[in-house]
Amino acid sequence: MALAVFGAAGSAQAADQEGPVRIKVQPFVTLPDNVRHPEGLASNPANREIYVGTFDARMPESARNNQLLRYSADGRLLAQKSFGPTPLTGIEFADGKLYILNFGASKLQRIDAAFTSATPVEDVAVFTALVPPTPLPRPVANPEGSKDIITFGSSGFPAPNGMVFDKARNLYVSDSFQGAIYRIERATSCAPSCAVVPISRDPLLATAGTLPFGANGLAFNADESLLYVNNAGDGRLLRMPMPAGPLGIVAESVHGADGLMFHRGLMWIASNQADVVLGLDEKGRTVVRAGEFDGIGSDGAPRGLLFPASTVAQGDWMIVSNLALPLTPAEGDEWEEKVTRWNLVRFKLPAPAR
C-alpha cells in the first residue's frame, strides 16, 4: 500500500531538502590600535550609529584598556570612552541612552548615546551575590534509565552578561556565573536606585562546561511571550514563557552560544566556539549559517569570524564582533593568540522568509 501511495504521487523517492543558507562575511571596522576584544554591540535606529564595548580581561589589571566606541553608520570612529580595567559585556540602546553591563564592576550603567570621551557615566543598578550563589543541582537522565547529578560551584561573583529590553522598558539581564535571570522594572526611568529582582535560578542557566559562562545572550520573540536564553558553556538555546515560566531546551550543540538577537523571524546566535553565526527558526532548526574562520590577515586581524561574540542589525546588514579571546593557559593551541588587531565584520542578511 505504501508503494501505491508513493506511485500515485509520481515517485517513491522523497524530494531533496534544502539545507541552511550559507553566507560569507566581509570586513567592516578595525578597532583602534591597542583596543582589544570587542564584545557587546548596539545600534541607534535613528542614525544607524554603531556602539562597541570591549571585554579586555588581561592580567595584570594595569594592562587592560577597556573602551566604549562609537562609530558612524559607514564605520568611521566618532568617539571613545575609557572604562580602564573593568571589562564590559552587553550593551543596549534605549531612549537616547546607551546601557552598559559593566562586568568588572558588577553594575548596569548608562551614558548619552552621543557620548564623547568627557561624557559622564551614570550608575543605574548594582548586581550582588545571590544566596545560594548557584542554582540547585541539575539531574541529567542517562539512556539506560540512571541519572547523573551536576552540582555547581560559584564564588558568588555577579557576572552580568546579556540583556534585552521589553517594549515597556523593563530590562532583563543574565548572570553567567550565578546562573540567574534578573528583571529591572522600568530601567530607563528608575535610576539611581533600580531594584534588581531574580526571576529565574533554573539549573539550566548554570554550566559545568569548559567554557565557564552559563546564561548569556537574551532575546524576546516578536510578541514578547517567550524569552530566549543562550547557555554558552552548555551550547544550548533555552526558552522561558513569560513572565517567569519554566525553562525548556530549544537547541543543543550550539558551541559557545554567546550573543543572541531576534530579527526577521529568526534567532541569531553568535556561536563563538564554532566561529559562525547561526540563524535558527522557532523550532531550533538552523536555516542560516554565516561566516567561518579564514585565517589571520597581514594586518593581524581575523579574516572571517574568530570567536564571534555579538551581533547587531543595521538595515540589510548584520554586524558581528570578533572577540578573538584566547581561553586556555596553553601556548600555541588557539588562533586567537595570533591576533594583534581586533575587528568587526558584517554580512548581508537573506530576504525574510515568506
C-alpha atoms as a PDB file:
ATOM      1  CA  MET A   1       0.000   0.000   0.000  1.00  0.00           C
ATOM      2  CA  ALA A   2       2.829   2.388   0.797  1.00  0.00           C
ATOM      3  CA  LEU A   3       4.287   1.880  -2.678  1.00  0.00           C
ATOM      4  CA  ALA A   4       0.900   2.512  -4.254  1.00  0.00           C
ATOM      5  CA  VAL A   5       0.565   5.781  -2.366  1.00  0.00           C
ATOM      6  CA  PHE A   6       4.031   6.941  -3.448  1.00  0.00           C
ATOM      7  CA  GLY A   7       3.270   5.797  -7.003  1.00  0.00           C
ATOM      8  CA  ALA A   8       0.185   7.966  -7.080  1.00  0.00           C
ATOM      9  CA  ALA A   9       2.414  10.934  -6.287  1.00  0.00           C
ATOM     10  CA  GLY A  10       4.669  10.058  -9.232  1.00  0.00           C
ATOM     11  CA  SER A  11       7.744   8.885  -7.271  1.00  0.00           C
ATOM     12  CA  ALA A  12       8.694   6.509  -4.499  1.00  0.00           C
ATOM     13  CA  GLN A  13      11.651   8.729  -3.588  1.00  0.00           C
ATOM     14  CA  ALA A  14      11.469  11.773  -1.327  1.00  0.00           C
ATOM     15  CA  ALA A  15      12.398  15.122  -2.854  1.00  0.00           C
ATOM     16  CA  ASP A  16      15.732  16.741  -1.922  1.00  0.00           C
ATOM     17  CA  GLN A  17      15.508  19.104   1.045  1.00  0.00           C
ATOM     18  CA  GLU A  18      17.324  22.431   1.043  1.00  0.00           C
ATOM     19  CA  GLY A  19      19.865  22.895   3.813  1.00  0.00           C
ATOM     20  CA  PRO A  20      20.885  26.102   5.592  1.00  0.00           C
ATOM     21  CA  VAL A  21      21.609  29.204   3.536  1.00  0.00           C
ATOM     22  CA  ARG A  22      25.368  29.859   3.714  1.00  0.00           C
ATOM     23  CA  ILE A  23      26.676  33.406   3.725  1.00  0.00           C
ATOM     24  CA  LYS A  24      30.197  34.831   3.583  1.00  0.00           C
ATOM     25  CA  VAL A  25      31.206  37.731   5.827  1.00  0.00           C
ATOM     26  CA  GLN A  26      33.265  40.751   4.849  1.00  0.00           C
ATOM     27  CA  PRO A  27      35.438  43.248   6.795  1.00  0.00           C
ATOM     28  CA  PHE A  28      33.739  46.292   8.282  1.00  0.00           C
ATOM     29  CA  VAL A  29      35.766  48.039  11.012  1.00  0.00           C
ATOM     30  CA  THR A  30      39.241  47.582  12.503  1.00  0.00           C
ATOM     31  CA  LEU A  31      39.415  48.792  16.103  1.00  0.00           C
ATOM     32  CA  PRO A  32      41.987  51.410  17.163  1.00  0.00           C
ATOM     33  CA  ASP A  33      45.457  50.148  17.980  1.00  0.00           C
ATOM     34  CA  ASN A  34      45.682  48.540  21.441  1.00  0.00           C
ATOM     35  CA  VAL A  35      41.888  48.274  21.777  1.00  0.00           C
ATOM     36  CA  ARG A  36      41.191  44.579  22.188  1.00  0.00           C
ATOM     37  CA  HIS A  37      38.384  42.025  22.346  1.00  0.00           C
ATOM     38  CA  PRO A  38      35.185  43.686  21.047  1.00  0.00           C
ATOM     39  CA  GLU A  39      32.257  42.067  22.845  1.00  0.00           C
ATOM     40  CA  GLY A  40      28.937  43.937  23.063  1.00  0.00           C
ATOM     41  CA  LEU A  41      27.260  45.640  20.096  1.00  0.00           C
ATOM     42  CA  ALA A  42      24.317  48.009  19.814  1.00  0.00           C
ATOM     43  CA  SER A  43      22.952  50.459  17.245  1.00  0.00           C
ATOM     44  CA  ASN A  44      20.955  53.673  17.178  1.00  0.00           C
ATOM     45  CA  PRO A  45      17.966  53.088  14.854  1.00  0.00           C
ATOM     46  CA  ALA A  46      17.653  56.811  14.095  1.00  0.00           C
ATOM     47  CA  ASN A  47      21.135  57.447  12.682  1.00  0.00           C
ATOM     48  CA  ARG A  48      22.461  53.842  12.474  1.00  0.00           C
ATOM     49  CA  GLU A  49      25.491  54.643  14.594  1.00  0.00           C
ATOM     50  CA  ILE A  50      27.182  51.519  15.967  1.00  0.00           C
ATOM     51  CA  TYR A  51      28.417  51.095  19.550  1.00  0.00           C
ATOM     52  CA  VAL A  52      31.076  48.619  20.673  1.00  0.00           C
ATOM     53  CA  GLY A  53      32.110  47.602  24.192  1.00  0.00           C
ATOM     54  CA  THR A  54      35.295  45.634  24.890  1.00  0.00           C
ATOM     55  CA  PHE A  55      35.999  42.679  27.168  1.00  0.00           C
ATOM     56  CA  ASP A  56      39.697  43.165  27.895  1.00  0.00           C
ATOM     57  CA  ALA A  57      40.411  40.964  30.919  1.00  0.00           C
ATOM     58  CA  ARG A  58      44.194  40.735  30.559  1.00  0.00           C
ATOM     59  CA  MET A  59      46.361  40.254  33.585  1.00  0.00           C
ATOM     60  CA  PRO A  60      47.710  42.257  35.274  1.00  0.00           C
ATOM     61  CA  GLU A  61      44.834  44.720  35.519  1.00  0.00           C
ATOM     62  CA  SER A  62      47.168  47.582  34.712  1.00  0.00           C
ATOM     63  CA  ALA A  63      47.477  46.189  31.162  1.00  0.00           C
ATOM     64  CA  ARG A  64      43.748  46.387  30.478  1.00  0.00           C
ATOM     65  CA  ASN A  65      42.297  49.020  28.166  1.00  0.00           C
ATOM     66  CA  ASN A  66      38.520  48.664  28.058  1.00  0.00           C
ATOM     67  CA  GLN A  67      36.752  51.100  25.781  1.00  0.00           C
ATOM     68  CA  LEU A  68      33.278  52.067  24.666  1.00  0.00           C
ATOM     69  CA  LEU A  69      33.449  53.034  20.973  1.00  0.00           C
ATOM     70  CA  ARG A  70      31.002  54.966  18.789  1.00  0.00           C
ATOM     71  CA  TYR A  71      31.075  54.558  15.006  1.00  0.00           C
ATOM     72  CA  SER A  72      29.175  56.211  12.191  1.00  0.00           C
ATOM     73  CA  ALA A  73      26.924  54.072  10.009  1.00  0.00           C
ATOM     74  CA  ASP A  74      29.751  53.723   7.475  1.00  0.00           C
ATOM     75  CA  GLY A  75      32.348  52.696  10.063  1.00  0.00           C
ATOM     76  CA  ARG A  76      34.147  55.942  10.974  1.00  0.00           C
ATOM     77  CA  LEU A  77      35.264  56.216  14.599  1.00  0.00           C
ATOM     78  CA  LEU A  78      33.395  59.138  16.194  1.00  0.00           C
ATOM     79  CA  ALA A  79      34.253  58.798  19.885  1.00  0.00           C
ATOM     80  CA  GLN A  80      35.674  56.512  22.522  1.00  0.00           C
ATOM     81  CA  LYS A  81      35.235  56.412  26.276  1.00  0.00           C
ATOM     82  CA  SER A  82      37.683  54.643  28.569  1.00  0.00           C
ATOM     83  CA  PHE A  83      36.488  52.160  31.195  1.00  0.00           C
ATOM     84  CA  GLY A  84      40.032  51.220  32.185  1.00  0.00           C
ATOM     85  CA  PRO A  85      40.419  47.839  33.924  1.00  0.00           C
ATOM     86  CA  THR A  86      36.732  46.836  34.055  1.00  0.00           C
ATOM     87  CA  PRO A  87      35.597  44.615  31.140  1.00  0.00           C
ATOM     88  CA  LEU A  88      32.228  45.315  29.502  1.00  0.00           C
ATOM     89  CA  THR A  89      29.733  42.730  28.261  1.00  0.00           C
ATOM     90  CA  GLY A  90      26.247  43.529  26.927  1.00  0.00           C
ATOM     91  CA  ILE A  91      25.236  46.966  25.666  1.00  0.00           C
ATOM     92  CA  GLU A  92      21.787  48.161  24.540  1.00  0.00           C
ATOM     93  CA  PHE A  93      20.365  51.395  23.097  1.00  0.00           C
ATOM     94  CA  ALA A  94      17.140  52.806  24.566  1.00  0.00           C
ATOM     95  CA  ASP A  95      15.584  56.301  24.556  1.00  0.00           C
ATOM     96  CA  GLY A  96      18.712  58.182  23.567  1.00  0.00           C
ATOM     97  CA  LYS A  97      20.958  56.416  26.074  1.00  0.00           C
ATOM     98  CA  LEU A  98      23.385  53.547  25.838  1.00  0.00           C
ATOM     99  CA  TYR A  99      23.017  50.963  28.604  1.00  0.00           C
ATOM    100  CA  ILE A 100      26.176  49.103  29.596  1.00  0.00           C
ATOM    101  CA  LEU A 101      26.741  45.944  31.619  1.00  0.00           C
ATOM    102  CA  ASN A 102      29.988  46.677  33.414  1.00  0.00           C
ATOM    103  CA  PHE A 103      31.080  43.109  34.086  1.00  0.00           C
ATOM    104  CA  GLY A 104      34.158  44.115  36.078  1.00  0.00           C
ATOM    105  CA  ALA A 105      32.195  46.399  38.412  1.00  0.00           C
ATOM    106  CA  SER A 106      29.016  44.229  38.526  1.00  0.00           C
ATOM    107  CA  LYS A 107      26.923  47.247  37.541  1.00  0.00           C
ATOM    108  CA  LEU A 108      24.396  48.418  34.993  1.00  0.00           C
ATOM    109  CA  GLN A 109      25.447  51.861  33.769  1.00  0.00           C
ATOM    110  CA  ARG A 110      24.340  54.278  31.086  1.00  0.00           C
ATOM    111  CA  ILE A 111      25.726  57.136  29.041  1.00  0.00           C
ATOM    112  CA  ASP A 112      24.333  59.555  26.488  1.00  0.00           C
ATOM    113  CA  ALA A 113      24.279  57.865  23.075  1.00  0.00           C
ATOM    114  CA  ALA A 114      26.116  60.828  21.523  1.00  0.00           C
ATOM    115  CA  PHE A 115      28.908  60.462  24.070  1.00  0.00           C
ATOM    116  CA  THR A 116      32.428  61.818  23.865  1.00  0.00           C
ATOM    117  CA  SER A 117      35.441  60.965  25.996  1.00  0.00           C
ATOM    118  CA  ALA A 118      34.280  63.572  28.538  1.00  0.00           C
ATOM    119  CA  THR A 119      30.636  62.417  28.886  1.00  0.00           C
ATOM    120  CA  PRO A 120      29.865  61.198  32.429  1.00  0.00           C
ATOM    121  CA  VAL A 121      28.727  57.628  33.096  1.00  0.00           C
ATOM    122  CA  GLU A 122      25.722  57.092  35.374  1.00  0.00           C
ATOM    123  CA  ASP A 123      25.194  54.074  37.622  1.00  0.00           C
ATOM    124  CA  VAL A 124      21.739  52.527  37.204  1.00  0.00           C
ATOM    125  CA  ALA A 125      21.813  49.302  39.225  1.00  0.00           C
ATOM    126  CA  VAL A 126      24.204  47.072  41.175  1.00  0.00           C
ATOM    127  CA  PHE A 127      24.342  43.267  40.960  1.00  0.00           C
ATOM    128  CA  THR A 128      25.164  41.447  44.183  1.00  0.00           C
ATOM    129  CA  ALA A 129      25.976  37.928  45.343  1.00  0.00           C
ATOM    130  CA  LEU A 130      22.925  35.676  45.500  1.00  0.00           C
ATOM    131  CA  VAL A 131      22.162  33.176  48.255  1.00  0.00           C
ATOM    132  CA  PRO A 132      22.901  30.465  47.334  1.00  0.00           C
ATOM    133  CA  PRO A 133      25.389  31.686  44.693  1.00  0.00           C
ATOM    134  CA  THR A 134      24.427  28.892  42.278  1.00  0.00           C
ATOM    135  CA  PRO A 135      21.162  27.157  41.345  1.00  0.00           C
ATOM    136  CA  LEU A 136      20.188  23.778  42.748  1.00  0.00           C
ATOM    137  CA  PRO A 137      21.916  20.660  41.336  1.00  0.00           C
ATOM    138  CA  ARG A 138      20.790  19.524  37.889  1.00  0.00           C
ATOM    139  CA  PRO A 139      19.705  15.911  37.295  1.00  0.00           C
ATOM    140  CA  VAL A 140      20.700  14.514  33.881  1.00  0.00           C
ATOM    141  CA  ALA A 141      18.988  11.365  32.582  1.00  0.00           C
ATOM    142  CA  ASN A 142      21.140   8.603  31.072  1.00  0.00           C
ATOM    143  CA  PRO A 143      19.938   6.328  28.238  1.00  0.00           C
ATOM    144  CA  GLU A 144      19.692   3.217  30.432  1.00  0.00           C
ATOM    145  CA  GLY A 145      17.487   4.944  32.993  1.00  0.00           C
ATOM    146  CA  SER A 146      20.016   6.134  35.582  1.00  0.00           C
ATOM    147  CA  LYS A 147      20.685   9.771  36.443  1.00  0.00           C
ATOM    148  CA  ASP A 148      23.789  11.888  36.935  1.00  0.00           C
ATOM    149  CA  ILE A 149      23.654  14.876  39.276  1.00  0.00           C
ATOM    150  CA  ILE A 150      25.605  18.005  38.325  1.00  0.00           C
ATOM    151  CA  THR A 151      26.448  20.213  41.291  1.00  0.00           C
ATOM    152  CA  PHE A 152      27.574  23.756  40.533  1.00  0.00           C
ATOM    153  CA  GLY A 153      30.072  25.923  42.374  1.00  0.00           C
ATOM    154  CA  SER A 154      30.472  29.695  42.347  1.00  0.00           C
ATOM    155  CA  SER A 155      32.361  32.272  44.367  1.00  0.00           C
ATOM    156  CA  GLY A 156      29.265  34.464  44.347  1.00  0.00           C
ATOM    157  CA  PHE A 157      30.773  36.949  41.899  1.00  0.00           C
ATOM    158  CA  PRO A 158      27.907  38.568  39.973  1.00  0.00           C
ATOM    159  CA  ALA A 159      28.570  38.232  36.238  1.00  0.00           C
ATOM    160  CA  PRO A 160      26.024  40.321  34.268  1.00  0.00           C
ATOM    161  CA  ASN A 161      26.451  39.370  30.635  1.00  0.00           C
ATOM    162  CA  GLY A 162      23.458  39.618  28.265  1.00  0.00           C
ATOM    163  CA  MET A 163      20.440  41.920  28.379  1.00  0.00           C
ATOM    164  CA  VAL A 164      17.305  42.838  26.479  1.00  0.00           C
ATOM    165  CA  PHE A 165      14.585  45.467  26.935  1.00  0.00           C
ATOM    166  CA  ASP A 166      10.908  44.696  26.521  1.00  0.00           C
ATOM    167  CA  LYS A 167       8.538  47.233  24.970  1.00  0.00           C
ATOM    168  CA  ALA A 168       7.658  48.670  28.404  1.00  0.00           C
ATOM    169  CA  ARG A 169      11.381  49.352  29.003  1.00  0.00           C
ATOM    170  CA  ASN A 170      11.731  46.650  31.639  1.00  0.00           C
ATOM    171  CA  LEU A 171      15.221  45.187  31.364  1.00  0.00           C
ATOM    172  CA  TYR A 172      16.165  41.507  31.612  1.00  0.00           C
ATOM    173  CA  VAL A 173      19.772  40.571  32.429  1.00  0.00           C
ATOM    174  CA  SER A 174      21.609  37.236  32.537  1.00  0.00           C
ATOM    175  CA  ASP A 175      24.188  36.267  35.176  1.00  0.00           C
ATOM    176  CA  SER A 176      26.701  33.834  33.692  1.00  0.00           C
ATOM    177  CA  PHE A 177      28.371  32.718  36.942  1.00  0.00           C
ATOM    178  CA  GLN A 178      25.438  32.606  39.362  1.00  0.00           C
ATOM    179  CA  GLY A 179      23.016  31.061  36.860  1.00  0.00           C
ATOM    180  CA  ALA A 180      20.275  33.667  37.045  1.00  0.00           C
ATOM    181  CA  ILE A 181      17.961  35.914  35.043  1.00  0.00           C
ATOM    182  CA  TYR A 182      17.156  39.316  36.572  1.00  0.00           C
ATOM    183  CA  ARG A 183      14.392  41.817  35.894  1.00  0.00           C
ATOM    184  CA  ILE A 184      14.854  45.576  36.382  1.00  0.00           C
ATOM    185  CA  GLU A 185      11.482  47.290  36.177  1.00  0.00           C
ATOM    186  CA  ARG A 186      11.298  50.491  34.099  1.00  0.00           C
ATOM    187  CA  ALA A 187      15.072  50.549  33.771  1.00  0.00           C
ATOM    188  CA  THR A 188      15.121  53.777  31.746  1.00  0.00           C
ATOM    189  CA  SER A 189      13.429  55.793  34.493  1.00  0.00           C
ATOM    190  CA  CYS A 190      14.205  54.093  37.830  1.00  0.00           C
ATOM    191  CA  ALA A 191      17.809  55.305  38.354  1.00  0.00           C
ATOM    192  CA  PRO A 192      19.713  55.814  40.575  1.00  0.00           C
ATOM    193  CA  SER A 193      18.272  53.092  42.826  1.00  0.00           C
ATOM    194  CA  CYS A 194      16.835  50.466  40.464  1.00  0.00           C
ATOM    195  CA  ALA A 195      15.817  47.166  42.046  1.00  0.00           C
ATOM    196  CA  VAL A 196      17.406  44.018  40.606  1.00  0.00           C
ATOM    197  CA  VAL A 197      14.986  41.096  41.026  1.00  0.00           C
ATOM    198  CA  PRO A 198      15.937  37.485  40.175  1.00  0.00           C
ATOM    199  CA  ILE A 199      13.126  35.826  38.196  1.00  0.00           C
ATOM    200  CA  SER A 200      14.844  32.500  37.483  1.00  0.00           C
ATOM    201  CA  ARG A 201      17.558  30.387  39.128  1.00  0.00           C
ATOM    202  CA  ASP A 202      16.947  27.317  36.989  1.00  0.00           C
ATOM    203  CA  PRO A 203      19.858  24.797  36.886  1.00  0.00           C
ATOM    204  CA  LEU A 204      19.751  25.084  33.071  1.00  0.00           C
ATOM    205  CA  LEU A 205      21.200  28.583  33.487  1.00  0.00           C
ATOM    206  CA  ALA A 206      24.440  27.280  35.040  1.00  0.00           C
ATOM    207  CA  THR A 207      27.193  25.295  33.357  1.00  0.00           C
ATOM    208  CA  ALA A 208      29.920  22.822  34.211  1.00  0.00           C
ATOM    209  CA  GLY A 209      31.370  23.107  30.693  1.00  0.00           C
ATOM    210  CA  THR A 210      34.884  24.041  29.649  1.00  0.00           C
ATOM    211  CA  LEU A 211      33.653  27.490  28.651  1.00  0.00           C
ATOM    212  CA  PRO A 212      32.925  28.914  32.126  1.00  0.00           C
ATOM    213  CA  PHE A 213      29.967  31.141  31.147  1.00  0.00           C
ATOM    214  CA  GLY A 214      26.426  29.858  31.615  1.00  0.00           C
ATOM    215  CA  ALA A 215      23.413  32.139  30.962  1.00  0.00           C
ATOM    216  CA  ASN A 216      24.478  34.585  28.271  1.00  0.00           C
ATOM    217  CA  GLY A 217      22.595  36.224  25.375  1.00  0.00           C
ATOM    218  CA  LEU A 218      18.902  37.127  25.775  1.00  0.00           C
ATOM    219  CA  ALA A 219      16.192  37.905  23.215  1.00  0.00           C
ATOM    220  CA  PHE A 220      12.403  38.084  23.041  1.00  0.00           C
ATOM    221  CA  ASN A 221      10.242  36.661  20.297  1.00  0.00           C
ATOM    222  CA  ALA A 222       8.036  39.086  18.353  1.00  0.00           C
ATOM    223  CA  ASP A 223       5.160  39.340  20.845  1.00  0.00           C
ATOM    224  CA  GLU A 224       7.403  39.022  23.931  1.00  0.00           C
ATOM    225  CA  SER A 225       5.572  35.930  25.121  1.00  0.00           C
ATOM    226  CA  LEU A 226       8.860  33.991  25.175  1.00  0.00           C
ATOM    227  CA  LEU A 227      12.292  34.932  26.469  1.00  0.00           C
ATOM    228  CA  TYR A 228      15.132  33.057  24.761  1.00  0.00           C
ATOM    229  CA  VAL A 229      18.400  32.464  26.623  1.00  0.00           C
ATOM    230  CA  ASN A 230      21.767  31.160  25.468  1.00  0.00           C
ATOM    231  CA  ASN A 231      23.842  28.934  27.747  1.00  0.00           C
ATOM    232  CA  ALA A 232      27.357  29.349  26.365  1.00  0.00           C
ATOM    233  CA  GLY A 233      29.112  26.593  28.318  1.00  0.00           C
ATOM    234  CA  ASP A 234      26.388  24.031  27.624  1.00  0.00           C
ATOM    235  CA  GLY A 235      25.960  25.093  23.988  1.00  0.00           C
ATOM    236  CA  ARG A 236      22.193  25.414  24.294  1.00  0.00           C
ATOM    237  CA  LEU A 237      19.409  27.752  23.288  1.00  0.00           C
ATOM    238  CA  LEU A 238      16.765  27.835  26.018  1.00  0.00           C
ATOM    239  CA  ARG A 239      13.248  29.275  26.120  1.00  0.00           C
ATOM    240  CA  MET A 240      11.202  30.648  29.028  1.00  0.00           C
ATOM    241  CA  PRO A 241       7.488  31.518  28.776  1.00  0.00           C
ATOM    242  CA  MET A 242       6.880  34.944  30.261  1.00  0.00           C
ATOM    243  CA  PRO A 243       6.598  36.263  32.885  1.00  0.00           C
ATOM    244  CA  ALA A 244       8.629  33.541  34.631  1.00  0.00           C
ATOM    245  CA  GLY A 245       7.681  30.126  33.276  1.00  0.00           C
ATOM    246  CA  PRO A 246       9.883  27.025  33.383  1.00  0.00           C
ATOM    247  CA  LEU A 247      12.893  26.893  31.091  1.00  0.00           C
ATOM    248  CA  GLY A 248      12.996  24.411  28.242  1.00  0.00           C
ATOM    249  CA  ILE A 249      15.670  23.399  25.729  1.00  0.00           C
ATOM    250  CA  VAL A 250      15.178  24.554  22.125  1.00  0.00           C
ATOM    251  CA  ALA A 251      18.514  23.651  20.512  1.00  0.00           C
ATOM    252  CA  GLU A 252      21.665  21.752  21.503  1.00  0.00           C
ATOM    253  CA  SER A 253      25.275  21.638  20.272  1.00  0.00           C
ATOM    254  CA  VAL A 254      25.471  25.372  19.535  1.00  0.00           C
ATOM    255  CA  HIS A 255      29.081  25.523  20.680  1.00  0.00           C
ATOM    256  CA  GLY A 256      29.742  28.636  22.722  1.00  0.00           C
ATOM    257  CA  ALA A 257      26.255  30.126  22.301  1.00  0.00           C
ATOM    258  CA  ASP A 258      27.080  33.763  23.043  1.00  0.00           C
ATOM    259  CA  GLY A 259      25.215  36.825  21.749  1.00  0.00           C
ATOM    260  CA  LEU A 260      21.545  36.403  20.815  1.00  0.00           C
ATOM    261  CA  MET A 261      19.047  38.546  18.941  1.00  0.00           C
ATOM    262  CA  PHE A 262      15.648  38.096  17.300  1.00  0.00           C
ATOM    263  CA  HIS A 263      15.466  39.597  13.814  1.00  0.00           C
ATOM    264  CA  ARG A 264      13.399  38.894  10.706  1.00  0.00           C
ATOM    265  CA  GLY A 265      11.731  35.890  12.297  1.00  0.00           C
ATOM    266  CA  LEU A 266      14.956  34.121  13.286  1.00  0.00           C
ATOM    267  CA  MET A 267      17.028  33.754  16.449  1.00  0.00           C
ATOM    268  CA  TRP A 268      20.584  34.810  15.557  1.00  0.00           C
ATOM    269  CA  ILE A 269      23.260  33.167  17.711  1.00  0.00           C
ATOM    270  CA  ALA A 270      26.951  34.012  17.768  1.00  0.00           C
ATOM    271  CA  SER A 271      28.477  30.534  18.174  1.00  0.00           C
ATOM    272  CA  ASN A 272      31.861  31.596  19.475  1.00  0.00           C
ATOM    273  CA  GLN A 273      33.500  28.161  19.612  1.00  0.00           C
ATOM    274  CA  ALA A 274      32.403  27.274  16.058  1.00  0.00           C
ATOM    275  CA  ASP A 275      33.363  30.646  14.504  1.00  0.00           C
ATOM    276  CA  VAL A 276      29.927  31.014  12.922  1.00  0.00           C
ATOM    277  CA  VAL A 277      26.687  32.982  13.292  1.00  0.00           C
ATOM    278  CA  LEU A 278      23.575  30.814  13.112  1.00  0.00           C
ATOM    279  CA  GLY A 279      20.013  31.811  12.237  1.00  0.00           C
ATOM    280  CA  LEU A 280      17.572  29.392  13.911  1.00  0.00           C
ATOM    281  CA  ASP A 281      13.830  29.105  13.400  1.00  0.00           C
ATOM    282  CA  GLU A 282      11.372  28.822  16.275  1.00  0.00           C
ATOM    283  CA  LYS A 283      11.830  25.045  16.461  1.00  0.00           C
ATOM    284  CA  GLY A 284      15.610  25.351  16.818  1.00  0.00           C
ATOM    285  CA  ARG A 285      16.500  24.294  13.283  1.00  0.00           C
ATOM    286  CA  THR A 286      19.456  26.062  11.652  1.00  0.00           C
ATOM    287  CA  VAL A 287      18.322  27.805   8.464  1.00  0.00           C
ATOM    288  CA  VAL A 288      21.253  30.243   8.022  1.00  0.00           C
ATOM    289  CA  ARG A 289      24.999  29.739   8.588  1.00  0.00           C
ATOM    290  CA  ALA A 290      27.073  32.899   8.240  1.00  0.00           C
ATOM    291  CA  GLY A 291      30.842  33.062   8.242  1.00  0.00           C
ATOM    292  CA  GLU A 292      33.805  30.876   9.071  1.00  0.00           C
ATOM    293  CA  PHE A 293      37.401  31.385  10.157  1.00  0.00           C
ATOM    294  CA  ASP A 294      39.658  32.138   7.184  1.00  0.00           C
ATOM    295  CA  GLY A 295      42.938  32.858   8.977  1.00  0.00           C
ATOM    296  CA  ILE A 296      44.758  35.948  10.224  1.00  0.00           C
ATOM    297  CA  GLY A 297      45.293  38.794   7.762  1.00  0.00           C
ATOM    298  CA  SER A 298      48.547  40.643   7.160  1.00  0.00           C
ATOM    299  CA  ASP A 299      47.214  43.424   9.393  1.00  0.00           C
ATOM    300  CA  GLY A 300      46.967  40.997  12.341  1.00  0.00           C
ATOM    301  CA  ALA A 301      43.148  40.934  12.338  1.00  0.00           C
ATOM    302  CA  PRO A 302      40.930  37.858  11.853  1.00  0.00           C
ATOM    303  CA  ARG A 303      39.612  37.124   8.379  1.00  0.00           C
ATOM    304  CA  GLY A 304      36.039  35.924   8.608  1.00  0.00           C
ATOM    305  CA  LEU A 305      34.884  35.040  12.124  1.00  0.00           C
ATOM    306  CA  LEU A 306      37.042  34.209  15.142  1.00  0.00           C
ATOM    307  CA  PHE A 307      35.228  33.810  18.469  1.00  0.00           C
ATOM    308  CA  PRO A 308      32.212  35.912  17.409  1.00  0.00           C
ATOM    309  CA  ALA A 309      30.529  37.374  20.475  1.00  0.00           C
ATOM    310  CA  SER A 310      27.612  39.614  19.456  1.00  0.00           C
ATOM    311  CA  THR A 311      25.509  40.698  16.505  1.00  0.00           C
ATOM    312  CA  VAL A 312      23.518  43.806  15.678  1.00  0.00           C
ATOM    313  CA  ALA A 313      21.301  44.555  12.680  1.00  0.00           C
ATOM    314  CA  GLN A 314      21.837  47.680  10.587  1.00  0.00           C
ATOM    315  CA  GLY A 315      19.318  47.792   7.758  1.00  0.00           C
ATOM    316  CA  ASP A 316      20.003  44.831   5.467  1.00  0.00           C
ATOM    317  CA  TRP A 317      23.306  44.070   7.182  1.00  0.00           C
ATOM    318  CA  MET A 318      24.272  42.104  10.264  1.00  0.00           C
ATOM    319  CA  ILE A 319      27.389  43.306  12.076  1.00  0.00           C
ATOM    320  CA  VAL A 320      29.412  40.862  14.191  1.00  0.00           C
ATOM    321  CA  SER A 321      32.113  41.443  16.815  1.00  0.00           C
ATOM    322  CA  ASN A 322      35.198  39.214  16.674  1.00  0.00           C
ATOM    323  CA  LEU A 323      36.044  38.835  20.360  1.00  0.00           C
ATOM    324  CA  ALA A 324      39.072  36.657  19.452  1.00  0.00           C
ATOM    325  CA  LEU A 325      39.718  35.791  23.103  1.00  0.00           C
ATOM    326  CA  PRO A 326      42.221  33.027  23.989  1.00  0.00           C
ATOM    327  CA  LEU A 327      40.713  30.686  26.588  1.00  0.00           C
ATOM    328  CA  THR A 328      43.326  28.127  27.580  1.00  0.00           C
ATOM    329  CA  PRO A 329      46.572  28.637  29.547  1.00  0.00           C
ATOM    330  CA  ALA A 330      48.487  26.538  26.992  1.00  0.00           C
ATOM    331  CA  GLU A 331      50.522  28.332  24.342  1.00  0.00           C
ATOM    332  CA  GLY A 332      50.193  27.687  20.626  1.00  0.00           C
ATOM    333  CA  ASP A 333      46.818  25.872  20.696  1.00  0.00           C
ATOM    334  CA  GLU A 334      44.491  28.737  19.688  1.00  0.00           C
ATOM    335  CA  TRP A 335      44.415  31.024  16.655  1.00  0.00           C
ATOM    336  CA  GLU A 336      43.239  33.805  18.959  1.00  0.00           C
ATOM    337  CA  GLU A 337      46.819  34.031  20.281  1.00  0.00           C
ATOM    338  CA  LYS A 338      47.971  35.240  16.856  1.00  0.00           C
ATOM    339  CA  VAL A 339      45.595  38.216  16.692  1.00  0.00           C
ATOM    340  CA  THR A 340      47.203  41.640  17.104  1.00  0.00           C
ATOM    341  CA  ARG A 341      44.344  43.824  15.791  1.00  0.00           C
ATOM    342  CA  TRP A 342      40.661  43.316  16.519  1.00  0.00           C
ATOM    343  CA  ASN A 343      37.745  43.944  14.203  1.00  0.00           C
ATOM    344  CA  LEU A 344      34.079  43.872  13.326  1.00  0.00           C
ATOM    345  CA  VAL A 345      32.773  42.135  10.224  1.00  0.00           C
ATOM    346  CA  ARG A 346      29.370  42.102   8.523  1.00  0.00           C
ATOM    347  CA  PHE A 347      27.202  40.105   6.160  1.00  0.00           C
ATOM    348  CA  LYS A 348      24.155  40.826   4.013  1.00  0.00           C
ATOM    349  CA  LEU A 349      21.001  39.421   5.546  1.00  0.00           C
ATOM    350  CA  PRO A 350      18.945  36.994   3.476  1.00  0.00           C
ATOM    351  CA  ALA A 351      15.486  38.081   2.422  1.00  0.00           C
ATOM    352  CA  PRO A 352      12.834  37.344   5.071  1.00  0.00           C
ATOM    353  CA  ALA A 353      11.030  34.039   4.647  1.00  0.00           C
ATOM    354  CA  ARG A 354       7.510  34.331   3.219  1.00  0.00           C
END
